[in-house]
ModelCIF file with pLDDT and N, C-alpha, C, O atoms, coordinates in Angstrom:
data_MODEL
#
_entry.id   MODEL 
#
_entity.id                         1 
_entity.type                       polymer 
_entity.pdbx_number_of_molecules   1 
#
_entity_poly.entity_id                      1 
_entity_poly.type                           'polypeptide(L)' 
_entity_poly.nstd_linkage                   no 
_entity_poly.nstd_monomer                   no 
_entity_poly.pdbx_seq_one_letter_code       
;(UNK)(UNK)(UNK)(UNK)(UNK)(UNK)(UNK)(UNK)(UNK)(UNK)(UNK)(UNK)(UNK)(UNK)(UNK)(UNK)
(UNK)(UNK)(UNK)(UNK)(UNK)(UNK)(UNK)(UNK)(UNK)(UNK)(UNK)(UNK)(UNK)(UNK)(UNK)
;
_entity_poly.pdbx_seq_one_letter_code_can   XXXXXXXXXXXXXXXXXXXXXXXXXXXXXXX 
_entity_poly.pdbx_strand_id                 A 
#
loop_
_entity_poly_seq.entity_id 
_entity_poly_seq.num 
_entity_poly_seq.mon_id 
_entity_poly_seq.hetero 
1 1  UNK n 
1 2  UNK n 
1 3  UNK n 
1 4  UNK n 
1 5  UNK n 
1 6  UNK n 
1 7  UNK n 
1 8  UNK n 
1 9  UNK n 
1 10 UNK n 
1 11 UNK n 
1 12 UNK n 
1 13 UNK n 
1 14 UNK n 
1 15 UNK n 
1 16 UNK n 
1 17 UNK n 
1 18 UNK n 
1 19 UNK n 
1 20 UNK n 
1 21 UNK n 
1 22 UNK n 
1 23 UNK n 
1 24 UNK n 
1 25 UNK n 
1 26 UNK n 
1 27 UNK n 
1 28 UNK n 
1 29 UNK n 
1 30 UNK n 
1 31 UNK n 
#
_struct_asym.id          A 
_struct_asym.entity_id   1 
#
loop_
_ma_qa_metric.id 
_ma_qa_metric.mode 
_ma_qa_metric.name 
_ma_qa_metric.software_group_id 
_ma_qa_metric.type 
1 global pLDDT . pLDDT 
2 local  pLDDT . pLDDT 
#
_ma_qa_metric_global.metric_id      1 
_ma_qa_metric_global.metric_value   66.03 
_ma_qa_metric_global.model_id       1 
_ma_qa_metric_global.ordinal_id     1 
#
loop_
_ma_qa_metric_local.label_asym_id 
_ma_qa_metric_local.label_comp_id 
_ma_qa_metric_local.label_seq_id 
_ma_qa_metric_local.metric_id 
_ma_qa_metric_local.metric_value 
_ma_qa_metric_local.model_id 
_ma_qa_metric_local.ordinal_id 
A UNK 1  2 76.00 1 1  
A UNK 2  2 61.00 1 2  
A UNK 3  2 57.00 1 3  
A UNK 4  2 51.00 1 4  
A UNK 5  2 45.00 1 5  
A UNK 6  2 49.00 1 6  
A UNK 7  2 51.00 1 7  
A UNK 8  2 52.00 1 8  
A UNK 9  2 51.00 1 9  
A UNK 10 2 53.00 1 10 
A UNK 11 2 53.00 1 11 
A UNK 12 2 51.00 1 12 
A UNK 13 2 55.00 1 13 
A UNK 14 2 66.00 1 14 
A UNK 15 2 67.00 1 15 
A UNK 16 2 64.00 1 16 
A UNK 17 2 61.00 1 17 
A UNK 18 2 63.00 1 18 
A UNK 19 2 66.00 1 19 
A UNK 20 2 73.00 1 20 
A UNK 21 2 73.00 1 21 
A UNK 22 2 72.00 1 22 
A UNK 23 2 74.00 1 23 
A UNK 24 2 79.00 1 24 
A UNK 25 2 78.00 1 25 
A UNK 26 2 79.00 1 26 
A UNK 27 2 83.00 1 27 
A UNK 28 2 85.00 1 28 
A UNK 29 2 89.00 1 29 
A UNK 30 2 89.00 1 30 
A UNK 31 2 81.00 1 31 
#
loop_
_atom_site.group_PDB 
_atom_site.id 
_atom_site.type_symbol 
_atom_site.label_atom_id 
_atom_site.label_alt_id 
_atom_site.label_comp_id 
_atom_site.label_asym_id 
_atom_site.label_entity_id 
_atom_site.label_seq_id 
_atom_site.pdbx_PDB_ins_code 
_atom_site.Cartn_x 
_atom_site.Cartn_y 
_atom_site.Cartn_z 
_atom_site.occupancy 
_atom_site.B_iso_or_equiv 
_atom_site.pdbx_formal_charge 
_atom_site.auth_seq_id 
_atom_site.auth_comp_id 
_atom_site.auth_asym_id 
_atom_site.auth_atom_id 
_atom_site.pdbx_PDB_model_num 
ATOM 1   N N  . UNK A 1 1  ? 2.360  63.321 -7.550  1.00 76.00 ? 1  UNK A N  1 
ATOM 2   C CA . UNK A 1 1  ? 2.801  62.401 -8.697  1.00 76.00 ? 1  UNK A CA 1 
ATOM 3   C C  . UNK A 1 1  ? 4.435  62.669 -8.749  1.00 76.00 ? 1  UNK A C  1 
ATOM 4   O O  . UNK A 1 1  ? 4.987  62.092 -9.687  1.00 76.00 ? 1  UNK A O  1 
ATOM 5   N N  . UNK A 1 2  ? 5.204  63.371 -7.979  1.00 61.00 ? 2  UNK A N  1 
ATOM 6   C CA . UNK A 1 2  ? 6.514  63.829 -7.753  1.00 61.00 ? 2  UNK A CA 1 
ATOM 7   C C  . UNK A 1 2  ? 7.183  63.708 -6.496  1.00 61.00 ? 2  UNK A C  1 
ATOM 8   O O  . UNK A 1 2  ? 7.750  64.801 -6.481  1.00 61.00 ? 2  UNK A O  1 
ATOM 9   N N  . UNK A 1 3  ? 7.443  63.266 -5.658  1.00 57.00 ? 3  UNK A N  1 
ATOM 10  C CA . UNK A 1 3  ? 8.043  63.007 -4.492  1.00 57.00 ? 3  UNK A CA 1 
ATOM 11  C C  . UNK A 1 3  ? 8.768  64.460 -4.324  1.00 57.00 ? 3  UNK A C  1 
ATOM 12  O O  . UNK A 1 3  ? 9.783  64.630 -5.000  1.00 57.00 ? 3  UNK A O  1 
ATOM 13  N N  . UNK A 1 4  ? 8.306  65.580 -3.428  1.00 51.00 ? 4  UNK A N  1 
ATOM 14  C CA . UNK A 1 4  ? 8.968  66.975 -3.247  1.00 51.00 ? 4  UNK A CA 1 
ATOM 15  C C  . UNK A 1 4  ? 9.319  67.209 -1.803  1.00 51.00 ? 4  UNK A C  1 
ATOM 16  O O  . UNK A 1 4  ? 9.112  66.367 -0.929  1.00 51.00 ? 4  UNK A O  1 
ATOM 17  N N  . UNK A 1 5  ? 9.885  68.448 -1.578  1.00 45.00 ? 5  UNK A N  1 
ATOM 18  C CA . UNK A 1 5  ? 10.502 68.829 -0.191  1.00 45.00 ? 5  UNK A CA 1 
ATOM 19  C C  . UNK A 1 5  ? 9.098  69.102 0.343   1.00 45.00 ? 5  UNK A C  1 
ATOM 20  O O  . UNK A 1 5  ? 8.206  69.342 -0.471  1.00 45.00 ? 5  UNK A O  1 
ATOM 21  N N  . UNK A 1 6  ? 8.802  69.082 1.833   1.00 49.00 ? 6  UNK A N  1 
ATOM 22  C CA . UNK A 1 6  ? 7.653  69.047 2.621   1.00 49.00 ? 6  UNK A CA 1 
ATOM 23  C C  . UNK A 1 6  ? 6.393  68.432 3.106   1.00 49.00 ? 6  UNK A C  1 
ATOM 24  O O  . UNK A 1 6  ? 5.538  68.632 3.968   1.00 49.00 ? 6  UNK A O  1 
ATOM 25  N N  . UNK A 1 7  ? 6.851  67.039 1.531   1.00 51.00 ? 7  UNK A N  1 
ATOM 26  C CA . UNK A 1 7  ? 5.693  66.121 1.583   1.00 51.00 ? 7  UNK A CA 1 
ATOM 27  C C  . UNK A 1 7  ? 5.798  65.158 2.305   1.00 51.00 ? 7  UNK A C  1 
ATOM 28  O O  . UNK A 1 7  ? 6.912  64.829 2.713   1.00 51.00 ? 7  UNK A O  1 
ATOM 29  N N  . UNK A 1 8  ? 4.534  64.378 2.687   1.00 52.00 ? 8  UNK A N  1 
ATOM 30  C CA . UNK A 1 8  ? 4.624  63.447 4.011   1.00 52.00 ? 8  UNK A CA 1 
ATOM 31  C C  . UNK A 1 8  ? 5.320  62.207 3.271   1.00 52.00 ? 8  UNK A C  1 
ATOM 32  O O  . UNK A 1 8  ? 4.934  61.856 2.156   1.00 52.00 ? 8  UNK A O  1 
ATOM 33  N N  . UNK A 1 9  ? 6.447  61.510 3.999   1.00 51.00 ? 9  UNK A N  1 
ATOM 34  C CA . UNK A 1 9  ? 6.943  60.281 3.288   1.00 51.00 ? 9  UNK A CA 1 
ATOM 35  C C  . UNK A 1 9  ? 7.906  59.675 4.674   1.00 51.00 ? 9  UNK A C  1 
ATOM 36  O O  . UNK A 1 9  ? 9.064  60.081 4.779   1.00 51.00 ? 9  UNK A O  1 
ATOM 37  N N  . UNK A 1 10 ? 7.542  59.041 5.339   1.00 53.00 ? 10 UNK A N  1 
ATOM 38  C CA . UNK A 1 10 ? 7.670  58.055 6.455   1.00 53.00 ? 10 UNK A CA 1 
ATOM 39  C C  . UNK A 1 10 ? 7.499  57.055 7.131   1.00 53.00 ? 10 UNK A C  1 
ATOM 40  O O  . UNK A 1 10 ? 6.383  56.919 7.632   1.00 53.00 ? 10 UNK A O  1 
ATOM 41  N N  . UNK A 1 11 ? 8.469  56.085 7.362   1.00 53.00 ? 11 UNK A N  1 
ATOM 42  C CA . UNK A 1 11 ? 8.152  54.956 7.717   1.00 53.00 ? 11 UNK A CA 1 
ATOM 43  C C  . UNK A 1 11 ? 7.232  54.601 8.316   1.00 53.00 ? 11 UNK A C  1 
ATOM 44  O O  . UNK A 1 11 ? 6.803  53.472 8.078   1.00 53.00 ? 11 UNK A O  1 
ATOM 45  N N  . UNK A 1 12 ? 6.444  55.601 9.527   1.00 51.00 ? 12 UNK A N  1 
ATOM 46  C CA . UNK A 1 12 ? 5.455  55.131 10.243  1.00 51.00 ? 12 UNK A CA 1 
ATOM 47  C C  . UNK A 1 12 ? 4.011  55.184 8.944   1.00 51.00 ? 12 UNK A C  1 
ATOM 48  O O  . UNK A 1 12 ? 2.917  54.678 9.194   1.00 51.00 ? 12 UNK A O  1 
ATOM 49  N N  . UNK A 1 13 ? 4.284  55.783 7.808   1.00 55.00 ? 13 UNK A N  1 
ATOM 50  C CA . UNK A 1 13 ? 3.023  55.836 7.080   1.00 55.00 ? 13 UNK A CA 1 
ATOM 51  C C  . UNK A 1 13 ? 3.062  54.545 5.902   1.00 55.00 ? 13 UNK A C  1 
ATOM 52  O O  . UNK A 1 13 ? 4.039  53.976 5.414   1.00 55.00 ? 13 UNK A O  1 
ATOM 53  N N  . UNK A 1 14 ? 1.645  54.346 5.672   1.00 66.00 ? 14 UNK A N  1 
ATOM 54  C CA . UNK A 1 14 ? 1.444  53.235 4.870   1.00 66.00 ? 14 UNK A CA 1 
ATOM 55  C C  . UNK A 1 14 ? 1.349  53.815 3.084   1.00 66.00 ? 14 UNK A C  1 
ATOM 56  O O  . UNK A 1 14 ? 0.311  54.099 2.487   1.00 66.00 ? 14 UNK A O  1 
ATOM 57  N N  . UNK A 1 15 ? 2.619  53.859 2.592   1.00 67.00 ? 15 UNK A N  1 
ATOM 58  C CA . UNK A 1 15 ? 3.145  53.981 1.415   1.00 67.00 ? 15 UNK A CA 1 
ATOM 59  C C  . UNK A 1 15 ? 2.423  53.145 0.376   1.00 67.00 ? 15 UNK A C  1 
ATOM 60  O O  . UNK A 1 15 ? 2.182  51.962 0.615   1.00 67.00 ? 15 UNK A O  1 
ATOM 61  N N  . UNK A 1 16 ? 2.033  53.767 -0.878  1.00 64.00 ? 16 UNK A N  1 
ATOM 62  C CA . UNK A 1 16 ? 1.233  52.928 -2.482  1.00 64.00 ? 16 UNK A CA 1 
ATOM 63  C C  . UNK A 1 16 ? 2.269  53.903 -3.265  1.00 64.00 ? 16 UNK A C  1 
ATOM 64  O O  . UNK A 1 16 ? 2.137  55.127 -3.258  1.00 64.00 ? 16 UNK A O  1 
ATOM 65  N N  . UNK A 1 17 ? 3.213  53.290 -3.875  1.00 61.00 ? 17 UNK A N  1 
ATOM 66  C CA . UNK A 1 17 ? 3.426  53.769 -5.234  1.00 61.00 ? 17 UNK A CA 1 
ATOM 67  C C  . UNK A 1 17 ? 3.218  52.921 -6.121  1.00 61.00 ? 17 UNK A C  1 
ATOM 68  O O  . UNK A 1 17 ? 3.983  53.061 -7.076  1.00 61.00 ? 17 UNK A O  1 
ATOM 69  N N  . UNK A 1 18 ? 2.465  52.049 -6.220  1.00 63.00 ? 18 UNK A N  1 
ATOM 70  C CA . UNK A 1 18 ? 2.142  50.885 -7.538  1.00 63.00 ? 18 UNK A CA 1 
ATOM 71  C C  . UNK A 1 18 ? 1.627  51.482 -8.563  1.00 63.00 ? 18 UNK A C  1 
ATOM 72  O O  . UNK A 1 18 ? 1.553  50.876 -9.632  1.00 63.00 ? 18 UNK A O  1 
ATOM 73  N N  . UNK A 1 19 ? 1.179  52.762 -8.441  1.00 66.00 ? 19 UNK A N  1 
ATOM 74  C CA . UNK A 1 19 ? 0.140  53.602 -9.662  1.00 66.00 ? 19 UNK A CA 1 
ATOM 75  C C  . UNK A 1 19 ? 0.754  54.964 -9.793  1.00 66.00 ? 19 UNK A C  1 
ATOM 76  O O  . UNK A 1 19 ? 1.577  55.505 -9.054  1.00 66.00 ? 19 UNK A O  1 
ATOM 77  N N  . UNK A 1 20 ? 0.226  55.372 -10.801 1.00 73.00 ? 20 UNK A N  1 
ATOM 78  C CA . UNK A 1 20 ? 1.207  56.719 -11.239 1.00 73.00 ? 20 UNK A CA 1 
ATOM 79  C C  . UNK A 1 20 ? 1.264  57.642 -10.283 1.00 73.00 ? 20 UNK A C  1 
ATOM 80  O O  . UNK A 1 20 ? 2.324  58.254 -10.412 1.00 73.00 ? 20 UNK A O  1 
ATOM 81  N N  . UNK A 1 21 ? 0.608  58.062 -9.339  1.00 73.00 ? 21 UNK A N  1 
ATOM 82  C CA . UNK A 1 21 ? 0.784  58.872 -8.248  1.00 73.00 ? 21 UNK A CA 1 
ATOM 83  C C  . UNK A 1 21 ? 0.966  57.743 -6.766  1.00 73.00 ? 21 UNK A C  1 
ATOM 84  O O  . UNK A 1 21 ? 0.278  56.733 -6.616  1.00 73.00 ? 21 UNK A O  1 
ATOM 85  N N  . UNK A 1 22 ? 2.010  58.198 -5.821  1.00 72.00 ? 22 UNK A N  1 
ATOM 86  C CA . UNK A 1 22 ? 2.376  57.958 -4.311  1.00 72.00 ? 22 UNK A CA 1 
ATOM 87  C C  . UNK A 1 22 ? 1.061  58.352 -3.875  1.00 72.00 ? 22 UNK A C  1 
ATOM 88  O O  . UNK A 1 22 ? 0.305  59.251 -4.242  1.00 72.00 ? 22 UNK A O  1 
ATOM 89  N N  . UNK A 1 23 ? 0.968  57.303 -2.856  1.00 74.00 ? 23 UNK A N  1 
ATOM 90  C CA . UNK A 1 23 ? -0.278 57.705 -2.034  1.00 74.00 ? 23 UNK A CA 1 
ATOM 91  C C  . UNK A 1 23 ? 0.470  57.114 -0.499  1.00 74.00 ? 23 UNK A C  1 
ATOM 92  O O  . UNK A 1 23 ? 0.951  56.060 -0.082  1.00 74.00 ? 23 UNK A O  1 
ATOM 93  N N  . UNK A 1 24 ? 0.210  58.576 0.029   1.00 79.00 ? 24 UNK A N  1 
ATOM 94  C CA . UNK A 1 24 ? 1.230  58.283 1.048   1.00 79.00 ? 24 UNK A CA 1 
ATOM 95  C C  . UNK A 1 24 ? -0.215 58.299 2.588   1.00 79.00 ? 24 UNK A C  1 
ATOM 96  O O  . UNK A 1 24 ? -0.792 59.325 2.949   1.00 79.00 ? 24 UNK A O  1 
ATOM 97  N N  . UNK A 1 25 ? -0.436 56.984 3.151   1.00 78.00 ? 25 UNK A N  1 
ATOM 98  C CA . UNK A 1 25 ? -1.827 57.115 3.940   1.00 78.00 ? 25 UNK A CA 1 
ATOM 99  C C  . UNK A 1 25 ? -1.125 57.485 5.307   1.00 78.00 ? 25 UNK A C  1 
ATOM 100 O O  . UNK A 1 25 ? 0.070  57.276 5.516   1.00 78.00 ? 25 UNK A O  1 
ATOM 101 N N  . UNK A 1 26 ? -1.953 58.030 6.172   1.00 79.00 ? 26 UNK A N  1 
ATOM 102 C CA . UNK A 1 26 ? -1.188 58.296 7.768   1.00 79.00 ? 26 UNK A CA 1 
ATOM 103 C C  . UNK A 1 26 ? -2.351 58.864 8.777   1.00 79.00 ? 26 UNK A C  1 
ATOM 104 O O  . UNK A 1 26 ? -3.480 58.586 8.372   1.00 79.00 ? 26 UNK A O  1 
ATOM 105 N N  . UNK A 1 27 ? -2.323 59.383 9.642   1.00 83.00 ? 27 UNK A N  1 
ATOM 106 C CA . UNK A 1 27 ? -3.388 59.601 10.626  1.00 83.00 ? 27 UNK A CA 1 
ATOM 107 C C  . UNK A 1 27 ? -2.759 61.142 11.526  1.00 83.00 ? 27 UNK A C  1 
ATOM 108 O O  . UNK A 1 27 ? -2.657 61.222 12.750  1.00 83.00 ? 27 UNK A O  1 
ATOM 109 N N  . UNK A 1 28 ? -2.471 62.040 10.715  1.00 85.00 ? 28 UNK A N  1 
ATOM 110 C CA . UNK A 1 28 ? -1.849 63.082 11.433  1.00 85.00 ? 28 UNK A CA 1 
ATOM 111 C C  . UNK A 1 28 ? -3.088 64.011 12.033  1.00 85.00 ? 28 UNK A C  1 
ATOM 112 O O  . UNK A 1 28 ? -3.969 64.638 11.445  1.00 85.00 ? 28 UNK A O  1 
ATOM 113 N N  . UNK A 1 29 ? -2.854 63.875 13.158  1.00 89.00 ? 29 UNK A N  1 
ATOM 114 C CA . UNK A 1 29 ? -4.027 65.375 13.622  1.00 89.00 ? 29 UNK A CA 1 
ATOM 115 C C  . UNK A 1 29 ? -3.611 66.364 13.361  1.00 89.00 ? 29 UNK A C  1 
ATOM 116 O O  . UNK A 1 29 ? -2.469 66.514 13.796  1.00 89.00 ? 29 UNK A O  1 
ATOM 117 N N  . UNK A 1 30 ? -4.136 67.469 12.632  1.00 89.00 ? 30 UNK A N  1 
ATOM 118 C CA . UNK A 1 30 ? -3.724 68.692 12.296  1.00 89.00 ? 30 UNK A CA 1 
ATOM 119 C C  . UNK A 1 30 ? -4.704 70.051 12.729  1.00 89.00 ? 30 UNK A C  1 
ATOM 120 O O  . UNK A 1 30 ? -5.417 70.744 12.003  1.00 89.00 ? 30 UNK A O  1 
ATOM 121 N N  . UNK A 1 31 ? -4.482 70.129 13.979  1.00 81.00 ? 31 UNK A N  1 
ATOM 122 C CA . UNK A 1 31 ? -5.293 70.892 14.931  1.00 81.00 ? 31 UNK A CA 1 
ATOM 123 C C  . UNK A 1 31 ? -4.047 71.816 15.640  1.00 81.00 ? 31 UNK A C  1 
ATOM 124 O O  . UNK A 1 31 ? -4.308 72.625 16.530  1.00 81.00 ? 31 UNK A O  1 
#
């Protein structure tokens, strides 16, 4: 709902700010 430190937000992501929640779509391996 509000961008804070440590949240994903970078140029390589697909970012949607058109709704009340910001959605950052990505494909980040987490292993």
